[in-house]
Amino acid sequence: MAELSDIVTSKVRVKIIELLWSNVTEIYHVREIVRRVGEEINAVRRELKNLEDGGLLKKEQRGNRLYYWARPEYPFFGEILAIIAKTTGLGKEIVVNKSKLGKVLFVMFSGRFVRRKPRKRDDEVDILVVGEVVLAELAQLIRKEESKRNQEINYTVMGHDEFDFRKKRRDPFLQGILLGSRVMIIGDEEDLVG
């Protein structure tokens, strides 16, 4: 499986990026980052400085603590977010267990889901899965992630024929999904919307 470490050589930097981009709504103080990534404090501080100097992170002093978070204005913010969505958490579980899930053609996470923002409407879909899917296997992965996030995940599964039919008919439900921001976990975005 492809990993962030394939392109980033510092294992401490990889762990920090995975932590900060897997939940971009959170801010972390240095000691918490050290605890969560399980690395030496000096190595963590060095990589935080490198990431801040590179424009990937923001920092803020609050009392005697220094806090860091992913900088949304960074030009490659969305690309890093997409990589992290595929290589950590539910995205990683889906990719690793793809063969158990059946013949999966596409898995798409909504941009709001990846950014951990609340859905705008109750019927908004967090995840779209297209293919001949073993629903019990997928449901197990989804339940595991729901317990981690402590929130319900709204997902939709469609067979390939149903997906093509709805797409050709410009089904409002599917159009609403396809017109939103998204991160592709499995499959090519151009094939999904084309």
C-alpha atoms as a PDB file:
ATOM      1  CA  MET A   1       0.000   0.000   0.000  1.00  0.00           C
ATOM      2  CA  ALA A   2       1.186   3.517  -0.764  1.00  0.00           C
ATOM      3  CA  GLU A   3       2.134   5.561   2.288  1.00  0.00           C
ATOM      4  CA  LEU A   4       3.063   9.180   2.954  1.00  0.00           C
ATOM      5  CA  SER A   5       6.511   7.892   3.944  1.00  0.00           C
ATOM      6  CA  ASP A   6       7.040   6.980   0.263  1.00  0.00           C
ATOM      7  CA  ILE A   7       7.531  10.688  -0.484  1.00  0.00           C
ATOM      8  CA  VAL A   8       8.432  12.177   2.930  1.00  0.00           C
ATOM      9  CA  THR A   9      11.602  10.683   4.358  1.00  0.00           C
ATOM     10  CA  SER A  10      11.413  11.899   7.975  1.00  0.00           C
ATOM     11  CA  LYS A  11       9.303   9.470  10.021  1.00  0.00           C
ATOM     12  CA  VAL A  12       8.711  12.158  12.668  1.00  0.00           C
ATOM     13  CA  ARG A  13       7.489  14.594  10.005  1.00  0.00           C
ATOM     14  CA  VAL A  14       5.167  11.905   8.574  1.00  0.00           C
ATOM     15  CA  LYS A  15       3.661  11.257  12.016  1.00  0.00           C
ATOM     16  CA  ILE A  16       3.126  14.974  12.657  1.00  0.00           C
ATOM     17  CA  ILE A  17       1.505  15.549   9.254  1.00  0.00           C
ATOM     18  CA  GLU A  18      -0.748  12.516   9.738  1.00  0.00           C
ATOM     19  CA  LEU A  19      -1.799  13.760  13.177  1.00  0.00           C
ATOM     20  CA  LEU A  20      -2.489  17.360  12.164  1.00  0.00           C
ATOM     21  CA  TRP A  21      -4.168  16.591   8.820  1.00  0.00           C
ATOM     22  CA  SER A  22      -6.284  13.669  10.022  1.00  0.00           C
ATOM     23  CA  ASN A  23      -8.336  16.147  12.044  1.00  0.00           C
ATOM     24  CA  VAL A  24      -7.783  19.648  10.665  1.00  0.00           C
ATOM     25  CA  THR A  25     -10.289  21.168  13.087  1.00  0.00           C
ATOM     26  CA  GLU A  26      -8.039  20.411  16.087  1.00  0.00           C
ATOM     27  CA  ILE A  27      -5.099  22.319  17.499  1.00  0.00           C
ATOM     28  CA  TYR A  28      -2.385  20.563  19.476  1.00  0.00           C
ATOM     29  CA  HIS A  29       0.200  21.775  21.962  1.00  0.00           C
ATOM     30  CA  VAL A  30       3.768  20.510  21.619  1.00  0.00           C
ATOM     31  CA  ARG A  31       3.644  18.021  24.515  1.00  0.00           C
ATOM     32  CA  GLU A  32       0.405  16.531  23.173  1.00  0.00           C
ATOM     33  CA  ILE A  33       2.002  16.111  19.731  1.00  0.00           C
ATOM     34  CA  VAL A  34       5.007  14.422  21.350  1.00  0.00           C
ATOM     35  CA  ARG A  35       2.707  12.073  23.256  1.00  0.00           C
ATOM     36  CA  ARG A  36       0.569  11.213  20.235  1.00  0.00           C
ATOM     37  CA  VAL A  37       3.404  10.615  17.773  1.00  0.00           C
ATOM     38  CA  GLY A  38       5.594   8.802  20.307  1.00  0.00           C
ATOM     39  CA  GLU A  39       8.833  10.541  19.366  1.00  0.00           C
ATOM     40  CA  GLU A  40      11.485  12.539  21.240  1.00  0.00           C
ATOM     41  CA  ILE A  41      10.558  16.140  22.021  1.00  0.00           C
ATOM     42  CA  ASN A  42      13.618  17.630  20.282  1.00  0.00           C
ATOM     43  CA  ALA A  43      12.870  15.735  17.065  1.00  0.00           C
ATOM     44  CA  VAL A  44       9.241  16.876  17.213  1.00  0.00           C
ATOM     45  CA  ARG A  45      10.224  20.511  17.832  1.00  0.00           C
ATOM     46  CA  ARG A  46      12.696  20.401  14.934  1.00  0.00           C
ATOM     47  CA  GLU A  47      10.066  19.016  12.539  1.00  0.00           C
ATOM     48  CA  LEU A  48       7.406  21.464  13.756  1.00  0.00           C
ATOM     49  CA  LYS A  49       9.807  24.318  12.992  1.00  0.00           C
ATOM     50  CA  ASN A  50      10.573  22.868   9.543  1.00  0.00           C
ATOM     51  CA  LEU A  51       6.867  22.478   8.784  1.00  0.00           C
ATOM     52  CA  GLU A  52       6.110  25.980  10.056  1.00  0.00           C
ATOM     53  CA  ASP A  53       8.985  27.469   8.027  1.00  0.00           C
ATOM     54  CA  GLY A  54       7.632  25.642   4.970  1.00  0.00           C
ATOM     55  CA  GLY A  55       4.215  27.228   5.498  1.00  0.00           C
ATOM     56  CA  LEU A  56       2.348  23.998   6.331  1.00  0.00           C
ATOM     57  CA  LEU A  57       1.569  24.897   9.948  1.00  0.00           C
ATOM     58  CA  LYS A  58       0.411  27.816  12.030  1.00  0.00           C
ATOM     59  CA  LYS A  59       1.379  28.286  15.643  1.00  0.00           C
ATOM     60  CA  GLU A  60       0.135  30.352  18.546  1.00  0.00           C
ATOM     61  CA  GLN A  61       1.433  30.943  22.043  1.00  0.00           C
ATOM     62  CA  ARG A  62      -1.206  30.614  24.773  1.00  0.00           C
ATOM     63  CA  GLY A  63       0.156  31.115  28.239  1.00  0.00           C
ATOM     64  CA  ASN A  64       3.213  28.912  28.524  1.00  0.00           C
ATOM     65  CA  ARG A  65       2.058  26.490  25.792  1.00  0.00           C
ATOM     66  CA  LEU A  66       2.742  26.584  22.073  1.00  0.00           C
ATOM     67  CA  TYR A  67      -0.085  25.281  19.851  1.00  0.00           C
ATOM     68  CA  TYR A  68       0.116  24.087  16.229  1.00  0.00           C
ATOM     69  CA  TRP A  69      -2.432  23.282  13.537  1.00  0.00           C
ATOM     70  CA  ALA A  70      -2.564  22.632   9.789  1.00  0.00           C
ATOM     71  CA  ARG A  71      -2.587  25.858   7.774  1.00  0.00           C
ATOM     72  CA  PRO A  72      -5.576  25.808   5.363  1.00  0.00           C
ATOM     73  CA  GLU A  73      -3.998  28.552   3.206  1.00  0.00           C
ATOM     74  CA  TYR A  74      -1.045  26.304   2.332  1.00  0.00           C
ATOM     75  CA  PRO A  75      -1.148  25.801  -1.482  1.00  0.00           C
ATOM     76  CA  PHE A  76      -1.080  21.991  -1.200  1.00  0.00           C
ATOM     77  CA  PHE A  77      -3.445  21.756   1.771  1.00  0.00           C
ATOM     78  CA  GLY A  78      -6.125  19.883  -0.193  1.00  0.00           C
ATOM     79  CA  GLU A  79      -3.630  17.501  -1.744  1.00  0.00           C
ATOM     80  CA  ILE A  80      -2.112  16.638   1.633  1.00  0.00           C
ATOM     81  CA  LEU A  81      -5.622  16.205   3.033  1.00  0.00           C
ATOM     82  CA  ALA A  82      -6.436  13.747   0.236  1.00  0.00           C
ATOM     83  CA  ILE A  83      -3.238  11.749   0.863  1.00  0.00           C
ATOM     84  CA  ILE A  84      -3.949  11.577   4.597  1.00  0.00           C
ATOM     85  CA  ALA A  85      -7.579  10.548   3.955  1.00  0.00           C
ATOM     86  CA  LYS A  86      -6.298   7.588   1.898  1.00  0.00           C
ATOM     87  CA  THR A  87      -3.463   6.536   4.208  1.00  0.00           C
ATOM     88  CA  THR A  88      -5.021   6.877   7.683  1.00  0.00           C
ATOM     89  CA  GLY A  89      -8.269   6.069   9.447  1.00  0.00           C
ATOM     90  CA  LEU A  90     -11.278   4.824   7.496  1.00  0.00           C
ATOM     91  CA  GLY A  91      -9.687   5.531   4.111  1.00  0.00           C
ATOM     92  CA  LYS A  92      -6.748   3.277   4.935  1.00  0.00           C
ATOM     93  CA  GLU A  93      -9.080   0.562   6.271  1.00  0.00           C
ATOM     94  CA  ILE A  94     -11.103   0.640   3.044  1.00  0.00           C
ATOM     95  CA  VAL A  95      -8.003   0.477   0.843  1.00  0.00           C
ATOM     96  CA  VAL A  96      -6.415  -2.312   2.904  1.00  0.00           C
ATOM     97  CA  ASN A  97      -9.658  -4.332   3.000  1.00  0.00           C
ATOM     98  CA  LYS A  98     -10.681  -3.639  -0.608  1.00  0.00           C
ATOM     99  CA  SER A  99     -10.664  -7.332  -1.571  1.00  0.00           C
ATOM    100  CA  LYS A 100     -12.944  -8.206   1.393  1.00  0.00           C
ATOM    101  CA  LEU A 101     -15.374  -5.457   0.378  1.00  0.00           C
ATOM    102  CA  GLY A 102     -16.178  -7.064  -2.977  1.00  0.00           C
ATOM    103  CA  LYS A 103     -15.748  -5.485  -6.397  1.00  0.00           C
ATOM    104  CA  VAL A 104     -15.470  -1.818  -5.403  1.00  0.00           C
ATOM    105  CA  LEU A 105     -15.138   0.638  -8.303  1.00  0.00           C
ATOM    106  CA  PHE A 106     -15.306   3.961  -6.464  1.00  0.00           C
ATOM    107  CA  VAL A 107     -15.143   5.188  -2.900  1.00  0.00           C
ATOM    108  CA  MET A 108     -15.578   8.905  -2.429  1.00  0.00           C
ATOM    109  CA  PHE A 109     -15.507  10.866   0.827  1.00  0.00           C
ATOM    110  CA  SER A 110     -17.200  14.262   0.893  1.00  0.00           C
ATOM    111  CA  GLY A 111     -14.914  17.217   1.522  1.00  0.00           C
ATOM    112  CA  ARG A 112     -16.856  18.075   4.674  1.00  0.00           C
ATOM    113  CA  PHE A 113     -16.362  14.528   6.009  1.00  0.00           C
ATOM    114  CA  VAL A 114     -12.599  14.650   5.417  1.00  0.00           C
ATOM    115  CA  ARG A 115     -12.371  18.097   7.025  1.00  0.00           C
ATOM    116  CA  ARG A 116     -14.552  16.854   9.936  1.00  0.00           C
ATOM    117  CA  LYS A 117     -17.099  19.594   9.408  1.00  0.00           C
ATOM    118  CA  PRO A 118     -20.751  18.902  10.248  1.00  0.00           C
ATOM    119  CA  ARG A 119     -23.094  18.056   7.390  1.00  0.00           C
ATOM    120  CA  LYS A 120     -25.166  20.980   6.136  1.00  0.00           C
ATOM    121  CA  ARG A 121     -28.284  18.786   5.898  1.00  0.00           C
ATOM    122  CA  ASP A 122     -29.264  15.500   7.524  1.00  0.00           C
ATOM    123  CA  ASP A 123     -29.565  13.813   4.118  1.00  0.00           C
ATOM    124  CA  GLU A 124     -26.082  14.906   3.008  1.00  0.00           C
ATOM    125  CA  VAL A 125     -23.860  11.907   2.207  1.00  0.00           C
ATOM    126  CA  ASP A 126     -20.430  11.528   3.817  1.00  0.00           C
ATOM    127  CA  ILE A 127     -19.329   8.532   1.742  1.00  0.00           C
ATOM    128  CA  LEU A 128     -20.376   7.171  -1.654  1.00  0.00           C
ATOM    129  CA  VAL A 129     -19.413   3.593  -2.546  1.00  0.00           C
ATOM    130  CA  VAL A 130     -20.013   2.226  -6.054  1.00  0.00           C
ATOM    131  CA  GLY A 131     -19.676  -1.426  -7.021  1.00  0.00           C
ATOM    132  CA  GLU A 132     -20.737  -4.878  -5.957  1.00  0.00           C
ATOM    133  CA  VAL A 133     -20.103  -4.424  -2.240  1.00  0.00           C
ATOM    134  CA  VAL A 134     -20.205  -6.863   0.664  1.00  0.00           C
ATOM    135  CA  LEU A 135     -22.369  -4.663   2.871  1.00  0.00           C
ATOM    136  CA  ALA A 136     -21.580  -6.458   6.140  1.00  0.00           C
ATOM    137  CA  GLU A 137     -17.825  -5.872   5.687  1.00  0.00           C
ATOM    138  CA  LEU A 138     -18.332  -2.206   4.817  1.00  0.00           C
ATOM    139  CA  ALA A 139     -20.751  -1.673   7.712  1.00  0.00           C
ATOM    140  CA  GLN A 140     -18.186  -3.123  10.123  1.00  0.00           C
ATOM    141  CA  LEU A 141     -15.528  -0.628   8.962  1.00  0.00           C
ATOM    142  CA  ILE A 142     -18.027   2.244   9.128  1.00  0.00           C
ATOM    143  CA  ARG A 143     -19.152   1.318  12.668  1.00  0.00           C
ATOM    144  CA  LYS A 144     -15.530   1.226  13.822  1.00  0.00           C
ATOM    145  CA  GLU A 145     -14.957   4.748  12.464  1.00  0.00           C
ATOM    146  CA  GLU A 146     -18.256   5.992  13.929  1.00  0.00           C
ATOM    147  CA  SER A 147     -17.123   4.885  17.381  1.00  0.00           C
ATOM    148  CA  LYS A 148     -13.778   6.690  16.919  1.00  0.00           C
ATOM    149  CA  ARG A 149     -15.468   9.902  15.772  1.00  0.00           C
ATOM    150  CA  ASN A 150     -18.402   9.521  18.152  1.00  0.00           C
ATOM    151  CA  GLN A 151     -20.826  10.443  15.374  1.00  0.00           C
ATOM    152  CA  GLU A 152     -22.956   8.740  12.754  1.00  0.00           C
ATOM    153  CA  ILE A 153     -21.543   8.429   9.241  1.00  0.00           C
ATOM    154  CA  ASN A 154     -24.077   8.779   6.425  1.00  0.00           C
ATOM    155  CA  TYR A 155     -23.036   6.543   3.532  1.00  0.00           C
ATOM    156  CA  THR A 156     -24.631   5.357   0.307  1.00  0.00           C
ATOM    157  CA  VAL A 157     -23.840   2.200  -1.641  1.00  0.00           C
ATOM    158  CA  MET A 158     -24.858   1.789  -5.284  1.00  0.00           C
ATOM    159  CA  GLY A 159     -24.261  -0.962  -7.778  1.00  0.00           C
ATOM    160  CA  HIS A 160     -22.479   0.096 -10.970  1.00  0.00           C
ATOM    161  CA  ASP A 161     -25.643  -0.235 -13.092  1.00  0.00           C
ATOM    162  CA  GLU A 162     -27.702   1.843 -10.661  1.00  0.00           C
ATOM    163  CA  PHE A 163     -24.947   4.468 -10.505  1.00  0.00           C
ATOM    164  CA  ASP A 164     -24.752   4.726 -14.315  1.00  0.00           C
ATOM    165  CA  PHE A 165     -28.550   4.851 -14.622  1.00  0.00           C
ATOM    166  CA  ARG A 166     -28.854   7.629 -12.014  1.00  0.00           C
ATOM    167  CA  LYS A 167     -25.975   9.562 -13.556  1.00  0.00           C
ATOM    168  CA  LYS A 168     -27.494   9.411 -17.060  1.00  0.00           C
ATOM    169  CA  ARG A 169     -30.894  10.475 -15.693  1.00  0.00           C
ATOM    170  CA  ARG A 170     -29.278  13.329 -13.743  1.00  0.00           C
ATOM    171  CA  ASP A 171     -30.807  12.035 -10.532  1.00  0.00           C
ATOM    172  CA  PRO A 172     -30.970  14.992  -8.086  1.00  0.00           C
ATOM    173  CA  PHE A 173     -29.700  12.885  -5.165  1.00  0.00           C
ATOM    174  CA  LEU A 174     -26.620  11.690  -7.075  1.00  0.00           C
ATOM    175  CA  GLN A 175     -26.055  15.112  -8.660  1.00  0.00           C
ATOM    176  CA  GLY A 176     -25.986  16.635  -5.179  1.00  0.00           C
ATOM    177  CA  ILE A 177     -23.256  14.189  -4.191  1.00  0.00           C
ATOM    178  CA  LEU A 178     -21.200  14.634  -7.363  1.00  0.00           C
ATOM    179  CA  LEU A 179     -21.383  18.425  -7.335  1.00  0.00           C
ATOM    180  CA  GLY A 180     -19.946  18.698  -3.816  1.00  0.00           C
ATOM    181  CA  SER A 181     -16.295  18.709  -2.854  1.00  0.00           C
ATOM    182  CA  ARG A 182     -14.813  15.243  -2.614  1.00  0.00           C
ATOM    183  CA  VAL A 183     -11.754  13.130  -1.965  1.00  0.00           C
ATOM    184  CA  MET A 184     -11.387   9.937  -3.975  1.00  0.00           C
ATOM    185  CA  ILE A 185     -10.267   6.975  -1.886  1.00  0.00           C
ATOM    186  CA  ILE A 186     -10.661   4.325  -4.591  1.00  0.00           C
ATOM    187  CA  GLY A 187     -11.083   5.021  -8.295  1.00  0.00           C
ATOM    188  CA  ASP A 188     -10.449   7.974 -10.527  1.00  0.00           C
ATOM    189  CA  GLU A 189     -12.442  11.185 -10.078  1.00  0.00           C
ATOM    190  CA  GLU A 190     -12.680  11.720 -13.842  1.00  0.00           C
ATOM    191  CA  ASP A 191     -14.294   8.294 -14.291  1.00  0.00           C
ATOM    192  CA  LEU A 192     -16.680   8.970 -11.395  1.00  0.00           C
ATOM    193  CA  VAL A 193     -18.086  12.245 -12.684  1.00  0.00           C
ATOM    194  CA  GLY A 194     -17.382  11.875 -16.441  1.00  0.00           C
END
